[in-house]
Amino acid sequence: MNFKVHMIDVKNQLQNYIWLLEHITSSEVIAIDPTEAHLVETYCTEHNLKLSQIWLTHWHKDHIGGVPELLLNHNIPVYGPREELSKIPFITHPLQHQESLSFHELDIHIIAVPGHTLGHIVYFIEELNLVFCGDTLFAMGCGRVFEGTYTQMYHSLNRLAALPPQTQVYCTHEYTLSNAKFALHVEPDNVAIQQRFDDVEVKRMLGQCTLPSNIELELQTNPFLRAENVEKFQYLRELKDQF
């Protein structure tokens, strides 16, 4: 495989990760939701990588904060949601549902997932079996419903749940342990959740990243993907907001 995913731990209060997708032959990388420019620059310098594109999932500051500074040093395209152009004016290539873009030999498919924000998009790469999903789907959880409706978020999660089972899920926050505690609270008899909780707890005690997840595992252990209707989803999401 001529591609590799790198992780930068922002080590901020929100526990953000910046993902870099590298084309190994050329050492070119894409930065996905770069929170802080200096972290991307430092990582690229240390690993001899060349920043060639930026992909954004939505407008929240912890996802776009590093972009203006990166653009001072790099004349590169910025891909992001067309629906959020007014909030992210530095997008050069606006994207919407079912559009695609390319990176070397890869085709990247855009899926709209409104709910967390109205214009949120994700980047699905079938050849690599992965999706960069921002703040819509988390490991054992999902994003808060800030701008959209619970119905929108429910349908957005169902779109992601329909991806191939082995699709690796690269979300943007290390929220897995708190999500696992909630999952265990609402499904105490779910053996898969019990086992995953133990695994996640050990990883976090050791300071390890719990990502990527995959769709199959999420369908077994994520209460929000397991909700059978919008009402159940809304009930769970509101419960989690207070948890």
Protein backbone atom coordinates (compact mmCIF):
# COMPACT_ATOMS: atom_id res chain seq x y z
CA MET A 1 0.00 0.00 0.00
CA ASN A 2 1.41 3.34 -1.05
CA PHE A 3 -0.42 5.33 1.62
CA LYS A 4 -0.02 5.77 5.35
CA VAL A 5 -2.01 7.60 8.02
CA HIS A 6 -0.12 9.60 10.65
CA MET A 7 -1.56 10.87 13.92
CA ILE A 8 -0.69 14.13 15.67
CA ASP A 9 -1.96 14.37 19.24
CA VAL A 10 -2.80 18.04 19.82
CA LYS A 11 -2.80 17.45 23.61
CA ASN A 12 -5.40 20.16 24.10
CA GLN A 13 -8.38 20.19 26.45
CA LEU A 14 -10.67 18.90 23.69
CA GLN A 15 -8.29 15.99 23.00
CA ASN A 16 -8.07 16.67 19.26
CA TYR A 17 -6.16 14.54 16.80
CA ILE A 18 -4.86 15.86 13.48
CA TRP A 19 -4.67 13.11 10.87
CA LEU A 20 -2.16 13.23 8.02
CA LEU A 21 -2.61 11.04 4.94
CA GLU A 22 0.73 10.38 3.24
CA HIS A 23 1.41 9.27 -0.31
CA ILE A 24 4.59 7.38 0.51
CA THR A 25 6.32 7.58 -2.90
CA SER A 26 6.10 11.38 -3.07
CA SER A 27 6.10 12.09 0.70
CA GLU A 28 3.15 14.40 0.07
CA VAL A 29 0.59 14.63 2.83
CA ILE A 30 -2.90 15.91 3.41
CA ALA A 31 -3.71 17.49 6.78
CA ILE A 32 -7.24 16.72 7.95
CA ASP A 33 -8.79 19.27 10.34
CA PRO A 34 -5.48 20.90 11.38
CA THR A 35 -6.11 22.40 14.81
CA GLU A 36 -2.73 24.09 15.16
CA ALA A 37 -0.35 25.01 12.35
CA HIS A 38 2.92 24.65 14.26
CA LEU A 39 2.19 21.01 15.12
CA VAL A 40 1.67 20.17 11.44
CA GLU A 41 4.77 22.09 10.37
CA THR A 42 6.95 20.47 13.03
CA TYR A 43 5.71 16.97 12.27
CA CYS A 44 6.21 17.42 8.52
CA THR A 45 9.73 18.75 9.05
CA GLU A 46 10.70 15.92 11.39
CA HIS A 47 9.35 13.24 9.03
CA ASN A 48 10.41 14.84 5.73
CA LEU A 49 6.82 15.26 4.56
CA LYS A 50 5.48 17.84 2.16
CA LEU A 51 2.07 19.36 2.91
CA SER A 52 0.06 19.33 -0.32
CA GLN A 53 -3.65 19.61 0.62
CA ILE A 54 -5.91 20.45 3.56
CA TRP A 55 -9.27 18.73 4.12
CA LEU A 56 -11.86 20.18 6.50
CA THR A 57 -14.96 18.43 7.84
CA HIS A 58 -16.74 21.40 9.46
CA TRP A 59 -16.24 24.96 10.67
CA HIS A 60 -15.56 24.55 14.39
CA LYS A 61 -12.41 26.34 15.50
CA ASP A 62 -10.65 23.24 16.83
CA HIS A 63 -10.85 21.84 13.28
CA ILE A 64 -9.86 24.86 11.20
CA GLY A 65 -7.72 26.88 13.63
CA GLY A 66 -4.37 26.13 12.01
CA VAL A 67 -5.38 26.74 8.40
CA PRO A 68 -4.73 30.50 8.00
CA GLU A 69 -1.18 30.15 9.32
CA LEU A 70 -0.48 27.08 7.17
CA LEU A 71 -1.61 29.02 4.09
CA LEU A 72 0.96 31.72 4.83
CA ASN A 73 3.68 29.14 4.16
CA HIS A 74 1.98 26.84 1.64
CA ASN A 75 0.14 27.64 -1.59
CA ILE A 76 -2.13 24.59 -1.46
CA PRO A 77 -5.80 23.75 -2.01
CA VAL A 78 -8.20 23.69 0.92
CA TYR A 79 -11.17 21.33 0.57
CA GLY A 80 -14.21 21.72 2.77
CA PRO A 81 -18.00 21.83 2.99
CA ARG A 82 -19.74 24.09 0.47
CA GLU A 83 -22.54 24.62 3.00
CA GLU A 84 -20.09 26.30 5.39
CA LEU A 85 -18.23 28.61 3.01
CA SER A 86 -19.52 31.66 4.89
CA LYS A 87 -17.85 30.35 8.05
CA ILE A 88 -14.69 29.00 6.35
CA PRO A 89 -13.82 31.64 3.72
CA PHE A 90 -10.40 30.12 2.94
CA ILE A 91 -11.89 26.98 1.35
CA THR A 92 -10.67 26.92 -2.28
CA HIS A 93 -12.50 23.74 -3.30
CA PRO A 94 -16.03 23.57 -1.85
CA LEU A 95 -17.52 20.08 -1.68
CA GLN A 96 -20.99 18.65 -1.28
CA HIS A 97 -22.68 15.28 -0.96
CA GLN A 98 -21.64 12.62 -3.52
CA GLU A 99 -18.88 14.75 -5.03
CA SER A 100 -15.36 13.39 -5.17
CA LEU A 101 -11.75 14.53 -5.30
CA SER A 102 -8.45 12.81 -5.97
CA PHE A 103 -5.07 12.46 -4.29
CA HIS A 104 -2.60 10.67 -6.55
CA GLU A 105 -4.37 7.43 -7.52
CA LEU A 106 -7.00 7.66 -4.78
CA ASP A 107 -10.63 8.62 -5.29
CA ILE A 108 -12.14 10.27 -2.23
CA HIS A 109 -15.91 10.32 -1.88
CA ILE A 110 -17.76 13.04 0.00
CA ILE A 111 -20.68 12.12 2.23
CA ALA A 112 -22.82 14.86 3.80
CA VAL A 113 -23.56 14.22 7.47
CA PRO A 114 -25.50 17.20 8.86
CA GLY A 115 -26.36 17.30 12.55
CA HIS A 116 -23.29 18.33 14.55
CA THR A 117 -23.11 21.28 12.15
CA LEU A 118 -25.41 21.84 9.17
CA GLY A 119 -22.69 21.42 6.55
CA HIS A 120 -20.53 18.69 8.09
CA ILE A 121 -18.96 16.33 5.52
CA VAL A 122 -16.78 13.24 5.74
CA TYR A 123 -14.11 11.84 3.43
CA PHE A 124 -14.55 8.17 2.49
CA ILE A 125 -11.73 6.34 0.69
CA GLU A 126 -12.90 2.93 -0.43
CA GLU A 127 -9.47 1.77 -1.67
CA LEU A 128 -7.99 2.31 1.79
CA ASN A 129 -11.05 1.15 3.74
CA LEU A 130 -11.22 4.32 5.80
CA VAL A 131 -13.29 7.38 6.55
CA PHE A 132 -12.20 10.68 8.08
CA CYS A 133 -15.39 11.56 9.92
CA GLY A 134 -14.65 14.66 11.99
CA ASP A 135 -17.14 15.03 14.84
CA THR A 136 -20.10 13.04 13.48
CA LEU A 137 -19.19 9.48 14.49
CA PHE A 138 -16.89 8.86 17.44
CA ALA A 139 -15.53 5.60 18.78
CA MET A 140 -18.49 4.36 20.88
CA GLY A 141 -20.20 7.72 20.53
CA CYS A 142 -21.27 10.57 18.27
CA GLY A 143 -21.02 14.35 18.16
CA ARG A 144 -23.42 16.64 19.94
CA VAL A 145 -26.31 17.95 17.88
CA PHE A 146 -25.46 21.66 17.74
CA GLU A 147 -26.90 23.06 14.50
CA GLY A 148 -28.94 20.31 12.92
CA THR A 149 -31.86 18.23 14.14
CA TYR A 150 -31.83 14.86 15.85
CA THR A 151 -33.46 13.43 12.74
CA GLN A 152 -30.62 14.75 10.56
CA MET A 153 -27.97 13.36 12.91
CA TYR A 154 -29.71 9.98 13.08
CA HIS A 155 -29.79 9.71 9.29
CA SER A 156 -26.18 10.92 9.04
CA LEU A 157 -25.05 8.18 11.42
CA ASN A 158 -27.03 5.63 9.40
CA ARG A 159 -25.15 6.74 6.28
CA LEU A 160 -21.88 5.97 8.04
CA ALA A 161 -23.22 2.72 9.50
CA ALA A 162 -23.94 1.57 5.92
CA LEU A 163 -20.25 1.78 4.93
CA PRO A 164 -18.41 -1.55 4.52
CA PRO A 165 -17.92 -3.24 7.94
CA GLN A 166 -14.11 -3.09 7.80
CA THR A 167 -14.03 0.66 7.10
CA GLN A 168 -11.63 2.22 9.59
CA VAL A 169 -13.10 5.18 11.46
CA TYR A 170 -10.76 8.13 11.97
CA CYS A 171 -12.60 10.67 14.12
CA THR A 172 -11.01 13.79 15.54
CA HIS A 173 -11.17 13.40 19.33
CA GLU A 174 -9.97 10.95 21.97
CA TYR A 175 -13.36 10.60 23.63
CA THR A 176 -13.49 6.80 23.62
CA LEU A 177 -13.16 6.18 27.36
CA SER A 178 -15.95 8.59 28.38
CA ASN A 179 -18.07 7.21 25.52
CA ALA A 180 -17.38 3.67 26.72
CA LYS A 181 -18.53 4.56 30.25
CA PHE A 182 -21.81 5.87 28.84
CA ALA A 183 -22.24 2.85 26.54
CA LEU A 184 -21.79 0.53 29.52
CA HIS A 185 -24.31 2.62 31.48
CA VAL A 186 -27.06 2.25 28.86
CA GLU A 187 -26.21 -1.33 27.77
CA PRO A 188 -24.76 -2.99 30.91
CA ASP A 189 -25.39 -6.51 29.60
CA ASN A 190 -23.67 -6.01 26.24
CA VAL A 191 -20.62 -8.30 26.39
CA ALA A 192 -18.93 -6.58 23.42
CA ILE A 193 -19.19 -3.23 25.22
CA GLN A 194 -17.83 -4.75 28.44
CA GLN A 195 -14.81 -6.18 26.61
CA ARG A 196 -14.18 -2.99 24.68
CA PHE A 197 -14.46 -0.89 27.82
CA ASP A 198 -11.71 -2.96 29.46
CA ASP A 199 -9.50 -2.65 26.38
CA VAL A 200 -10.02 1.11 26.09
CA GLU A 201 -9.38 1.66 29.80
CA VAL A 202 -6.02 -0.13 29.58
CA LYS A 203 -5.00 1.78 26.45
CA ARG A 204 -5.80 5.15 28.06
CA MET A 205 -3.96 4.22 31.26
CA LEU A 206 -0.93 3.59 29.05
CA GLY A 207 -1.48 6.87 27.21
CA GLN A 208 -2.25 5.10 23.92
CA CYS A 209 -4.57 6.25 21.14
CA THR A 210 -7.81 4.23 20.87
CA LEU A 211 -8.30 4.99 17.15
CA PRO A 212 -9.02 4.05 14.47
CA SER A 213 -12.15 2.07 15.18
CA ASN A 214 -14.13 0.32 12.45
CA ILE A 215 -17.77 0.22 11.41
CA GLU A 216 -18.31 -3.40 12.44
CA LEU A 217 -17.04 -2.72 15.96
CA GLU A 218 -19.16 0.42 16.21
CA LEU A 219 -22.30 -1.48 15.22
CA GLN A 220 -21.60 -3.85 18.12
CA THR A 221 -20.61 -1.30 20.78
CA ASN A 222 -21.89 2.18 19.88
CA PRO A 223 -25.34 2.88 21.42
CA PHE A 224 -26.03 5.67 18.93
CA LEU A 225 -25.56 3.39 15.93
CA ARG A 226 -27.64 0.75 17.67
CA ALA A 227 -30.63 3.07 18.24
CA GLU A 228 -33.54 1.61 16.28
CA ASN A 229 -35.30 4.94 15.60
CA VAL A 230 -34.95 8.71 15.87
CA GLU A 231 -36.79 8.85 19.21
CA LYS A 232 -34.42 6.37 20.81
CA PHE A 233 -31.44 8.21 19.34
CA GLN A 234 -32.64 11.57 20.68
CA TYR A 235 -33.25 10.02 24.10
CA LEU A 236 -29.69 8.63 24.18
CA ARG A 237 -28.08 11.83 22.89
CA GLU A 238 -29.88 14.01 25.46
CA LEU A 239 -28.97 11.52 28.19
CA LYS A 240 -25.32 11.63 27.14
CA ASP A 241 -25.35 15.45 27.16
CA GLN A 242 -26.07 15.27 30.91
CA PHE A 243 -23.94 12.21 31.68
